[in-house]
Amino acid sequence: SIVFVVVALTLNPIASYAASPVSVAVL
């Protein structure tokens, strides 16, 4: 669970870099 918390937290910066941020609800 801790590993996937880290994964989820790092996805939004990656998505923002692609000019497509992900909402917190989806994360």
mmCIF file of all heavy atoms, coordinates in Angstrom:
data_MODEL
# 
_entry.id   MODEL 
# 
loop_
_atom_site.group_PDB 
_atom_site.id 
_atom_site.type_symbol 
_atom_site.label_atom_id 
_atom_site.label_alt_id 
_atom_site.label_comp_id 
_atom_site.label_asym_id 
_atom_site.label_entity_id 
_atom_site.label_seq_id 
_atom_site.pdbx_PDB_ins_code 
_atom_site.Cartn_x 
_atom_site.Cartn_y 
_atom_site.Cartn_z 
_atom_site.occupancy 
_atom_site.B_iso_or_equiv 
_atom_site.pdbx_formal_charge 
_atom_site.auth_seq_id 
_atom_site.auth_comp_id 
_atom_site.auth_asym_id 
_atom_site.auth_atom_id 
_atom_site.pdbx_PDB_model_num 
ATOM 1   N N   . SER A 1 1  ? 0.827   -1.210 0.000   1.00 0.00 ? 1  SER A N   1 
ATOM 2   C CA  . SER A 1 1  ? 0.000   0.000  0.000   1.00 0.00 ? 1  SER A CA  1 
ATOM 3   C C   . SER A 1 1  ? 0.858   1.255  0.000   1.00 0.00 ? 1  SER A C   1 
ATOM 4   O O   . SER A 1 1  ? 0.579   2.228  -0.713  1.00 0.00 ? 1  SER A O   1 
ATOM 5   C CB  . SER A 1 1  ? -0.933  -0.010 1.227   1.00 0.00 ? 1  SER A CB  1 
ATOM 6   O OG  . SER A 1 1  ? -1.785  -1.134 1.188   1.00 0.00 ? 1  SER A OG  1 
ATOM 7   N N   . ILE A 1 2  ? 1.934   1.252  0.790   1.00 0.00 ? 2  ILE A N   1 
ATOM 8   C CA  . ILE A 1 2  ? 2.834   2.414  0.833   1.00 0.00 ? 2  ILE A CA  1 
ATOM 9   C C   . ILE A 1 2  ? 3.490   2.630  -0.524  1.00 0.00 ? 2  ILE A C   1 
ATOM 10  O O   . ILE A 1 2  ? 3.620   3.763  -1.004  1.00 0.00 ? 2  ILE A O   1 
ATOM 11  C CB  . ILE A 1 2  ? 3.889   2.211  1.937   1.00 0.00 ? 2  ILE A CB  1 
ATOM 12  C CG1 . ILE A 1 2  ? 3.216   2.243  3.314   1.00 0.00 ? 2  ILE A CG1 1 
ATOM 13  C CG2 . ILE A 1 2  ? 4.979   3.271  1.848   1.00 0.00 ? 2  ILE A CG2 1 
ATOM 14  C CD1 . ILE A 1 2  ? 4.129   1.855  4.453   1.00 0.00 ? 2  ILE A CD1 1 
ATOM 15  N N   . VAL A 1 3  ? 3.895   1.520  -1.167  1.00 0.00 ? 3  VAL A N   1 
ATOM 16  C CA  . VAL A 1 3  ? 4.502   1.621  -2.499  1.00 0.00 ? 3  VAL A CA  1 
ATOM 17  C C   . VAL A 1 3  ? 3.541   2.286  -3.474  1.00 0.00 ? 3  VAL A C   1 
ATOM 18  O O   . VAL A 1 3  ? 3.915   3.187  -4.247  1.00 0.00 ? 3  VAL A O   1 
ATOM 19  C CB  . VAL A 1 3  ? 4.920   0.226  -3.010  1.00 0.00 ? 3  VAL A CB  1 
ATOM 20  C CG1 . VAL A 1 3  ? 5.282   0.290  -4.494  1.00 0.00 ? 3  VAL A CG1 1 
ATOM 21  C CG2 . VAL A 1 3  ? 6.088   -0.309 -2.203  1.00 0.00 ? 3  VAL A CG2 1 
ATOM 22  N N   . PHE A 1 4  ? 2.267   1.865  -3.438  1.00 0.00 ? 4  PHE A N   1 
ATOM 23  C CA  . PHE A 1 4  ? 1.304   2.421  -4.395  1.00 0.00 ? 4  PHE A CA  1 
ATOM 24  C C   . PHE A 1 4  ? 0.883   3.843  -4.031  1.00 0.00 ? 4  PHE A C   1 
ATOM 25  O O   . PHE A 1 4  ? 0.460   4.603  -4.901  1.00 0.00 ? 4  PHE A O   1 
ATOM 26  C CB  . PHE A 1 4  ? 0.082   1.501  -4.505  1.00 0.00 ? 4  PHE A CB  1 
ATOM 27  C CG  . PHE A 1 4  ? 0.377   0.229  -5.259  1.00 0.00 ? 4  PHE A CG  1 
ATOM 28  C CD1 . PHE A 1 4  ? 0.185   -1.015 -4.685  1.00 0.00 ? 4  PHE A CD1 1 
ATOM 29  C CD2 . PHE A 1 4  ? 0.862   0.281  -6.563  1.00 0.00 ? 4  PHE A CD2 1 
ATOM 30  C CE1 . PHE A 1 4  ? 0.467   -2.179 -5.374  1.00 0.00 ? 4  PHE A CE1 1 
ATOM 31  C CE2 . PHE A 1 4  ? 1.142   -0.870 -7.264  1.00 0.00 ? 4  PHE A CE2 1 
ATOM 32  C CZ  . PHE A 1 4  ? 0.950   -2.112 -6.672  1.00 0.00 ? 4  PHE A CZ  1 
ATOM 33  N N   . VAL A 1 5  ? 0.996   4.200  -2.761  1.00 0.00 ? 5  VAL A N   1 
ATOM 34  C CA  . VAL A 1 5  ? 0.776   5.603  -2.390  1.00 0.00 ? 5  VAL A CA  1 
ATOM 35  C C   . VAL A 1 5  ? 1.824   6.477  -3.070  1.00 0.00 ? 5  VAL A C   1 
ATOM 36  O O   . VAL A 1 5  ? 1.515   7.531  -3.640  1.00 0.00 ? 5  VAL A O   1 
ATOM 37  C CB  . VAL A 1 5  ? 0.822   5.778  -0.859  1.00 0.00 ? 5  VAL A CB  1 
ATOM 38  C CG1 . VAL A 1 5  ? 0.931   7.262  -0.502  1.00 0.00 ? 5  VAL A CG1 1 
ATOM 39  C CG2 . VAL A 1 5  ? -0.413  5.181  -0.206  1.00 0.00 ? 5  VAL A CG2 1 
ATOM 40  N N   . VAL A 1 6  ? 3.078   6.018  -3.017  1.00 0.00 ? 6  VAL A N   1 
ATOM 41  C CA  . VAL A 1 6  ? 4.166   6.750  -3.676  1.00 0.00 ? 6  VAL A CA  1 
ATOM 42  C C   . VAL A 1 6  ? 3.920   6.811  -5.183  1.00 0.00 ? 6  VAL A C   1 
ATOM 43  O O   . VAL A 1 6  ? 4.103   7.856  -5.828  1.00 0.00 ? 6  VAL A O   1 
ATOM 44  C CB  . VAL A 1 6  ? 5.522   6.096  -3.364  1.00 0.00 ? 6  VAL A CB  1 
ATOM 45  C CG1 . VAL A 1 6  ? 6.641   6.776  -4.150  1.00 0.00 ? 6  VAL A CG1 1 
ATOM 46  C CG2 . VAL A 1 6  ? 5.816   6.160  -1.866  1.00 0.00 ? 6  VAL A CG2 1 
ATOM 47  N N   . VAL A 1 7  ? 3.501   5.684  -5.767  1.00 0.00 ? 7  VAL A N   1 
ATOM 48  C CA  . VAL A 1 7  ? 3.219   5.651  -7.214  1.00 0.00 ? 7  VAL A CA  1 
ATOM 49  C C   . VAL A 1 7  ? 2.138   6.660  -7.569  1.00 0.00 ? 7  VAL A C   1 
ATOM 50  O O   . VAL A 1 7  ? 2.261   7.424  -8.543  1.00 0.00 ? 7  VAL A O   1 
ATOM 51  C CB  . VAL A 1 7  ? 2.797   4.229  -7.636  1.00 0.00 ? 7  VAL A CB  1 
ATOM 52  C CG1 . VAL A 1 7  ? 2.265   4.235  -9.067  1.00 0.00 ? 7  VAL A CG1 1 
ATOM 53  C CG2 . VAL A 1 7  ? 3.971   3.262  -7.517  1.00 0.00 ? 7  VAL A CG2 1 
ATOM 54  N N   . ALA A 1 8  ? 1.049   6.670  -6.778  1.00 0.00 ? 8  ALA A N   1 
ATOM 55  C CA  . ALA A 1 8  ? -0.054  7.588  -7.078  1.00 0.00 ? 8  ALA A CA  1 
ATOM 56  C C   . ALA A 1 8  ? 0.379   9.049  -6.947  1.00 0.00 ? 8  ALA A C   1 
ATOM 57  O O   . ALA A 1 8  ? -0.030  9.902  -7.742  1.00 0.00 ? 8  ALA A O   1 
ATOM 58  C CB  . ALA A 1 8  ? -1.226  7.295  -6.141  1.00 0.00 ? 8  ALA A CB  1 
ATOM 59  N N   . LEU A 1 9  ? 1.229   9.332  -5.952  1.00 0.00 ? 9  LEU A N   1 
ATOM 60  C CA  . LEU A 1 9  ? 1.673   10.710 -5.750  1.00 0.00 ? 9  LEU A CA  1 
ATOM 61  C C   . LEU A 1 9  ? 2.580   11.196 -6.873  1.00 0.00 ? 9  LEU A C   1 
ATOM 62  O O   . LEU A 1 9  ? 2.638   12.397 -7.168  1.00 0.00 ? 9  LEU A O   1 
ATOM 63  C CB  . LEU A 1 9  ? 2.402   10.830 -4.410  1.00 0.00 ? 9  LEU A CB  1 
ATOM 64  C CG  . LEU A 1 9  ? 1.530   10.684 -3.142  1.00 0.00 ? 9  LEU A CG  1 
ATOM 65  C CD1 . LEU A 1 9  ? 2.398   10.705 -1.892  1.00 0.00 ? 9  LEU A CD1 1 
ATOM 66  C CD2 . LEU A 1 9  ? 0.476   11.783 -3.087  1.00 0.00 ? 9  LEU A CD2 1 
ATOM 67  N N   . THR A 1 10 ? 3.300   10.270 -7.500  1.00 0.00 ? 10 THR A N   1 
ATOM 68  C CA  . THR A 1 10 ? 4.213   10.675 -8.575  1.00 0.00 ? 10 THR A CA  1 
ATOM 69  C C   . THR A 1 10 ? 3.534   10.751 -9.938  1.00 0.00 ? 10 THR A C   1 
ATOM 70  O O   . THR A 1 10 ? 4.103   11.310 -10.873 1.00 0.00 ? 10 THR A O   1 
ATOM 71  C CB  . THR A 1 10 ? 5.391   9.695  -8.666  1.00 0.00 ? 10 THR A CB  1 
ATOM 72  O OG1 . THR A 1 10 ? 4.886   8.370  -8.880  1.00 0.00 ? 10 THR A OG1 1 
ATOM 73  C CG2 . THR A 1 10 ? 6.225   9.728  -7.399  1.00 0.00 ? 10 THR A CG2 1 
ATOM 74  N N   . LEU A 1 11 ? 2.321   10.204 -10.060 1.00 0.00 ? 11 LEU A N   1 
ATOM 75  C CA  . LEU A 1 11 ? 1.656   10.200 -11.366 1.00 0.00 ? 11 LEU A CA  1 
ATOM 76  C C   . LEU A 1 11 ? 1.206   11.590 -11.789 1.00 0.00 ? 11 LEU A C   1 
ATOM 77  O O   . LEU A 1 11 ? 1.288   11.944 -12.969 1.00 0.00 ? 11 LEU A O   1 
ATOM 78  C CB  . LEU A 1 11 ? 0.447   9.251  -11.345 1.00 0.00 ? 11 LEU A CB  1 
ATOM 79  C CG  . LEU A 1 11 ? 0.758   7.767  -11.530 1.00 0.00 ? 11 LEU A CG  1 
ATOM 80  C CD1 . LEU A 1 11 ? -0.499  6.940  -11.373 1.00 0.00 ? 11 LEU A CD1 1 
ATOM 81  C CD2 . LEU A 1 11 ? 1.376   7.527  -12.915 1.00 0.00 ? 11 LEU A CD2 1 
ATOM 82  N N   . ASN A 1 12 ? 0.729   12.362 -10.830 1.00 0.00 ? 12 ASN A N   1 
ATOM 83  C CA  . ASN A 1 12 ? 0.208   13.673 -11.219 1.00 0.00 ? 12 ASN A CA  1 
ATOM 84  C C   . ASN A 1 12 ? 1.288   14.607 -11.760 1.00 0.00 ? 12 ASN A C   1 
ATOM 85  O O   . ASN A 1 12 ? 1.068   15.284 -12.767 1.00 0.00 ? 12 ASN A O   1 
ATOM 86  C CB  . ASN A 1 12 ? -0.522  14.314 -10.042 1.00 0.00 ? 12 ASN A CB  1 
ATOM 87  C CG  . ASN A 1 12 ? -1.526  15.350 -10.504 1.00 0.00 ? 12 ASN A CG  1 
ATOM 88  O OD1 . ASN A 1 12 ? -2.189  15.166 -11.526 1.00 0.00 ? 12 ASN A OD1 1 
ATOM 89  N ND2 . ASN A 1 12 ? -1.637  16.456 -9.777  1.00 0.00 ? 12 ASN A ND2 1 
ATOM 90  N N   . PRO A 1 13 ? 2.496   14.652 -11.142 1.00 0.00 ? 13 PRO A N   1 
ATOM 91  C CA  . PRO A 1 13 ? 3.549   15.469 -11.769 1.00 0.00 ? 13 PRO A CA  1 
ATOM 92  C C   . PRO A 1 13 ? 3.882   15.006 -13.189 1.00 0.00 ? 13 PRO A C   1 
ATOM 93  O O   . PRO A 1 13 ? 4.122   15.832 -14.074 1.00 0.00 ? 13 PRO A O   1 
ATOM 94  C CB  . PRO A 1 13 ? 4.739   15.273 -10.821 1.00 0.00 ? 13 PRO A CB  1 
ATOM 95  C CG  . PRO A 1 13 ? 4.128   14.960 -9.497  1.00 0.00 ? 13 PRO A CG  1 
ATOM 96  C CD  . PRO A 1 13 ? 2.914   14.157 -9.812  1.00 0.00 ? 13 PRO A CD  1 
ATOM 97  N N   . ILE A 1 14 ? 3.874   13.687 -13.400 1.00 0.00 ? 14 ILE A N   1 
ATOM 98  C CA  . ILE A 1 14 ? 4.154   13.173 -14.749 1.00 0.00 ? 14 ILE A CA  1 
ATOM 99  C C   . ILE A 1 14 ? 3.060   13.607 -15.709 1.00 0.00 ? 14 ILE A C   1 
ATOM 100 O O   . ILE A 1 14 ? 3.315   14.044 -16.841 1.00 0.00 ? 14 ILE A O   1 
ATOM 101 C CB  . ILE A 1 14 ? 4.275   11.631 -14.721 1.00 0.00 ? 14 ILE A CB  1 
ATOM 102 C CG1 . ILE A 1 14 ? 5.477   11.222 -13.868 1.00 0.00 ? 14 ILE A CG1 1 
ATOM 103 C CG2 . ILE A 1 14 ? 4.385   11.069 -16.126 1.00 0.00 ? 14 ILE A CG2 1 
ATOM 104 C CD1 . ILE A 1 14 ? 5.575   9.724  -13.644 1.00 0.00 ? 14 ILE A CD1 1 
ATOM 105 N N   . ALA A 1 15 ? 1.795   13.502 -15.252 1.00 0.00 ? 15 ALA A N   1 
ATOM 106 C CA  . ALA A 1 15 ? 0.673   13.898 -16.108 1.00 0.00 ? 15 ALA A CA  1 
ATOM 107 C C   . ALA A 1 15 ? 0.682   15.398 -16.363 1.00 0.00 ? 15 ALA A C   1 
ATOM 108 O O   . ALA A 1 15 ? 0.373   15.857 -17.471 1.00 0.00 ? 15 ALA A O   1 
ATOM 109 C CB  . ALA A 1 15 ? -0.637  13.481 -15.449 1.00 0.00 ? 15 ALA A CB  1 
ATOM 110 N N   . SER A 1 16 ? 1.052   16.173 -15.358 1.00 0.00 ? 16 SER A N   1 
ATOM 111 C CA  . SER A 1 16 ? 1.112   17.628 -15.538 1.00 0.00 ? 16 SER A CA  1 
ATOM 112 C C   . SER A 1 16 ? 2.173   18.000 -16.556 1.00 0.00 ? 16 SER A C   1 
ATOM 113 O O   . SER A 1 16 ? 2.001   18.938 -17.352 1.00 0.00 ? 16 SER A O   1 
ATOM 114 C CB  . SER A 1 16 ? 1.401   18.306 -14.193 1.00 0.00 ? 16 SER A CB  1 
ATOM 115 O OG  . SER A 1 16 ? 0.376   18.032 -13.262 1.00 0.00 ? 16 SER A OG  1 
ATOM 116 N N   . TYR A 1 17 ? 3.294   17.264 -16.546 1.00 0.00 ? 17 TYR A N   1 
ATOM 117 C CA  . TYR A 1 17 ? 4.357   17.511 -17.527 1.00 0.00 ? 17 TYR A CA  1 
ATOM 118 C C   . TYR A 1 17 ? 3.842   17.276 -18.944 1.00 0.00 ? 17 TYR A C   1 
ATOM 119 O O   . TYR A 1 17 ? 4.255   17.927 -19.895 1.00 0.00 ? 17 TYR A O   1 
ATOM 120 C CB  . TYR A 1 17 ? 5.541   16.595 -17.239 1.00 0.00 ? 17 TYR A CB  1 
ATOM 121 C CG  . TYR A 1 17 ? 6.693   16.788 -18.201 1.00 0.00 ? 17 TYR A CG  1 
ATOM 122 C CD1 . TYR A 1 17 ? 7.550   17.892 -18.074 1.00 0.00 ? 17 TYR A CD1 1 
ATOM 123 C CD2 . TYR A 1 17 ? 6.911   15.882 -19.231 1.00 0.00 ? 17 TYR A CD2 1 
ATOM 124 C CE1 . TYR A 1 17 ? 8.596   18.071 -18.963 1.00 0.00 ? 17 TYR A CE1 1 
ATOM 125 C CE2 . TYR A 1 17 ? 7.949   16.055 -20.121 1.00 0.00 ? 17 TYR A CE2 1 
ATOM 126 C CZ  . TYR A 1 17 ? 8.808   17.157 -19.990 1.00 0.00 ? 17 TYR A CZ  1 
ATOM 127 O OH  . TYR A 1 17 ? 9.837   17.334 -20.875 1.00 0.00 ? 17 TYR A OH  1 
ATOM 128 N N   . ALA A 1 18 ? 2.877   16.349 -19.054 1.00 0.00 ? 18 ALA A N   1 
ATOM 129 C CA  . ALA A 1 18 ? 2.271   16.078 -20.366 1.00 0.00 ? 18 ALA A CA  1 
ATOM 130 C C   . ALA A 1 18 ? 1.102   17.002 -20.633 1.00 0.00 ? 18 ALA A C   1 
ATOM 131 O O   . ALA A 1 18 ? 0.316   16.765 -21.562 1.00 0.00 ? 18 ALA A O   1 
ATOM 132 C CB  . ALA A 1 18 ? 1.813   14.626 -20.438 1.00 0.00 ? 18 ALA A CB  1 
ATOM 133 N N   . ALA A 1 19 ? 0.973   18.054 -19.842 1.00 0.00 ? 19 ALA A N   1 
ATOM 134 C CA  . ALA A 1 19 ? -0.101  19.041 -20.003 1.00 0.00 ? 19 ALA A CA  1 
ATOM 135 C C   . ALA A 1 19 ? -1.471  18.396 -19.866 1.00 0.00 ? 19 ALA A C   1 
ATOM 136 O O   . ALA A 1 19 ? -2.440  18.811 -20.500 1.00 0.00 ? 19 ALA A O   1 
ATOM 137 C CB  . ALA A 1 19 ? 0.014   19.762 -21.343 1.00 0.00 ? 19 ALA A CB  1 
ATOM 138 N N   . SER A 1 20 ? -1.558  17.384 -19.008 1.00 0.00 ? 20 SER A N   1 
ATOM 139 C CA  . SER A 1 20 ? -2.840  16.701 -18.792 1.00 0.00 ? 20 SER A CA  1 
ATOM 140 C C   . SER A 1 20 ? -2.941  16.264 -17.340 1.00 0.00 ? 20 SER A C   1 
ATOM 141 O O   . SER A 1 20 ? -2.890  15.072 -17.031 1.00 0.00 ? 20 SER A O   1 
ATOM 142 C CB  . SER A 1 20 ? -2.970  15.494 -19.727 1.00 0.00 ? 20 SER A CB  1 
ATOM 143 O OG  . SER A 1 20 ? -4.205  14.843 -19.522 1.00 0.00 ? 20 SER A OG  1 
ATOM 144 N N   . PRO A 1 21 ? -3.046  17.206 -16.399 1.00 0.00 ? 21 PRO A N   1 
ATOM 145 C CA  . PRO A 1 21 ? -3.085  16.853 -14.986 1.00 0.00 ? 21 PRO A CA  1 
ATOM 146 C C   . PRO A 1 21 ? -4.285  15.962 -14.651 1.00 0.00 ? 21 PRO A C   1 
ATOM 147 O O   . PRO A 1 21 ? -5.331  16.053 -15.289 1.00 0.00 ? 21 PRO A O   1 
ATOM 148 C CB  . PRO A 1 21 ? -3.173  18.205 -14.278 1.00 0.00 ? 21 PRO A CB  1 
ATOM 149 C CG  . PRO A 1 21 ? -3.745  19.127 -15.306 1.00 0.00 ? 21 PRO A CG  1 
ATOM 150 C CD  . PRO A 1 21 ? -3.220  18.661 -16.622 1.00 0.00 ? 21 PRO A CD  1 
ATOM 151 N N   . VAL A 1 22 ? -4.071  15.122 -13.641 1.00 0.00 ? 22 VAL A N   1 
ATOM 152 C CA  . VAL A 1 22 ? -5.115  14.179 -13.221 1.00 0.00 ? 22 VAL A CA  1 
ATOM 153 C C   . VAL A 1 22 ? -5.735  14.691 -11.927 1.00 0.00 ? 22 VAL A C   1 
ATOM 154 O O   . VAL A 1 22 ? -5.032  15.172 -11.035 1.00 0.00 ? 22 VAL A O   1 
ATOM 155 C CB  . VAL A 1 22 ? -4.509  12.773 -13.003 1.00 0.00 ? 22 VAL A CB  1 
ATOM 156 C CG1 . VAL A 1 22 ? -5.582  11.791 -12.550 1.00 0.00 ? 22 VAL A CG1 1 
ATOM 157 C CG2 . VAL A 1 22 ? -3.849  12.283 -14.275 1.00 0.00 ? 22 VAL A CG2 1 
ATOM 158 N N   . SER A 1 23 ? -7.051  14.603 -11.828 1.00 0.00 ? 23 SER A N   1 
ATOM 159 C CA  . SER A 1 23 ? -7.734  15.094 -10.635 1.00 0.00 ? 23 SER A CA  1 
ATOM 160 C C   . SER A 1 23 ? -7.381  14.229 -9.428  1.00 0.00 ? 23 SER A C   1 
ATOM 161 O O   . SER A 1 23 ? -7.041  13.052 -9.551  1.00 0.00 ? 23 SER A O   1 
ATOM 162 C CB  . SER A 1 23 ? -9.251  15.087 -10.839 1.00 0.00 ? 23 SER A CB  1 
ATOM 163 O OG  . SER A 1 23 ? -9.740  13.770 -10.873 1.00 0.00 ? 23 SER A OG  1 
ATOM 164 N N   . VAL A 1 24 ? -7.485  14.851 -8.250  1.00 0.00 ? 24 VAL A N   1 
ATOM 165 C CA  . VAL A 1 24 ? -7.191  14.135 -7.011  1.00 0.00 ? 24 VAL A CA  1 
ATOM 166 C C   . VAL A 1 24 ? -8.146  12.960 -6.828  1.00 0.00 ? 24 VAL A C   1 
ATOM 167 O O   . VAL A 1 24 ? -7.761  11.884 -6.362  1.00 0.00 ? 24 VAL A O   1 
ATOM 168 C CB  . VAL A 1 24 ? -7.271  15.092 -5.810  1.00 0.00 ? 24 VAL A CB  1 
ATOM 169 C CG1 . VAL A 1 24 ? -7.103  14.330 -4.490  1.00 0.00 ? 24 VAL A CG1 1 
ATOM 170 C CG2 . VAL A 1 24 ? -6.231  16.186 -5.930  1.00 0.00 ? 24 VAL A CG2 1 
ATOM 171 N N   . ALA A 1 25 ? -9.403  13.124 -7.227  1.00 0.00 ? 25 ALA A N   1 
ATOM 172 C CA  . ALA A 1 25 ? -10.389 12.047 -7.081  1.00 0.00 ? 25 ALA A CA  1 
ATOM 173 C C   . ALA A 1 25 ? -9.977  10.813 -7.878  1.00 0.00 ? 25 ALA A C   1 
ATOM 174 O O   . ALA A 1 25 ? -10.099 9.681  -7.414  1.00 0.00 ? 25 ALA A O   1 
ATOM 175 C CB  . ALA A 1 25 ? -11.764 12.537 -7.529  1.00 0.00 ? 25 ALA A CB  1 
ATOM 176 N N   . VAL A 1 26 ? -9.469  11.036 -9.106  1.00 0.00 ? 26 VAL A N   1 
ATOM 177 C CA  . VAL A 1 26 ? -9.027  9.909  -9.936  1.00 0.00 ? 26 VAL A CA  1 
ATOM 178 C C   . VAL A 1 26 ? -7.790  9.254  -9.322  1.00 0.00 ? 26 VAL A C   1 
ATOM 179 O O   . VAL A 1 26 ? -7.647  8.026  -9.325  1.00 0.00 ? 26 VAL A O   1 
ATOM 180 C CB  . VAL A 1 26 ? -8.747  10.367 -11.373 1.00 0.00 ? 26 VAL A CB  1 
ATOM 181 C CG1 . VAL A 1 26 ? -8.081  9.260  -12.181 1.00 0.00 ? 26 VAL A CG1 1 
ATOM 182 C CG2 . VAL A 1 26 ? -10.042 10.781 -12.056 1.00 0.00 ? 26 VAL A CG2 1 
ATOM 183 N N   . LEU A 1 27 ? -6.878  10.070 -8.770  1.00 0.00 ? 27 LEU A N   1 
ATOM 184 C CA  . LEU A 1 27 ? -5.689  9.512  -8.126  1.00 0.00 ? 27 LEU A CA  1 
ATOM 185 C C   . LEU A 1 27 ? -6.070  8.649  -6.916  1.00 0.00 ? 27 LEU A C   1 
ATOM 186 O O   . LEU A 1 27 ? -5.494  7.577  -6.692  1.00 0.00 ? 27 LEU A O   1 
ATOM 187 C CB  . LEU A 1 27 ? -4.753  10.636 -7.686  1.00 0.00 ? 27 LEU A CB  1 
ATOM 188 C CG  . LEU A 1 27 ? -3.989  11.356 -8.799  1.00 0.00 ? 27 LEU A CG  1 
ATOM 189 C CD1 . LEU A 1 27 ? -3.207  12.533 -8.223  1.00 0.00 ? 27 LEU A CD1 1 
ATOM 190 C CD2 . LEU A 1 27 ? -3.049  10.395 -9.514  1.00 0.00 ? 27 LEU A CD2 1 
# 
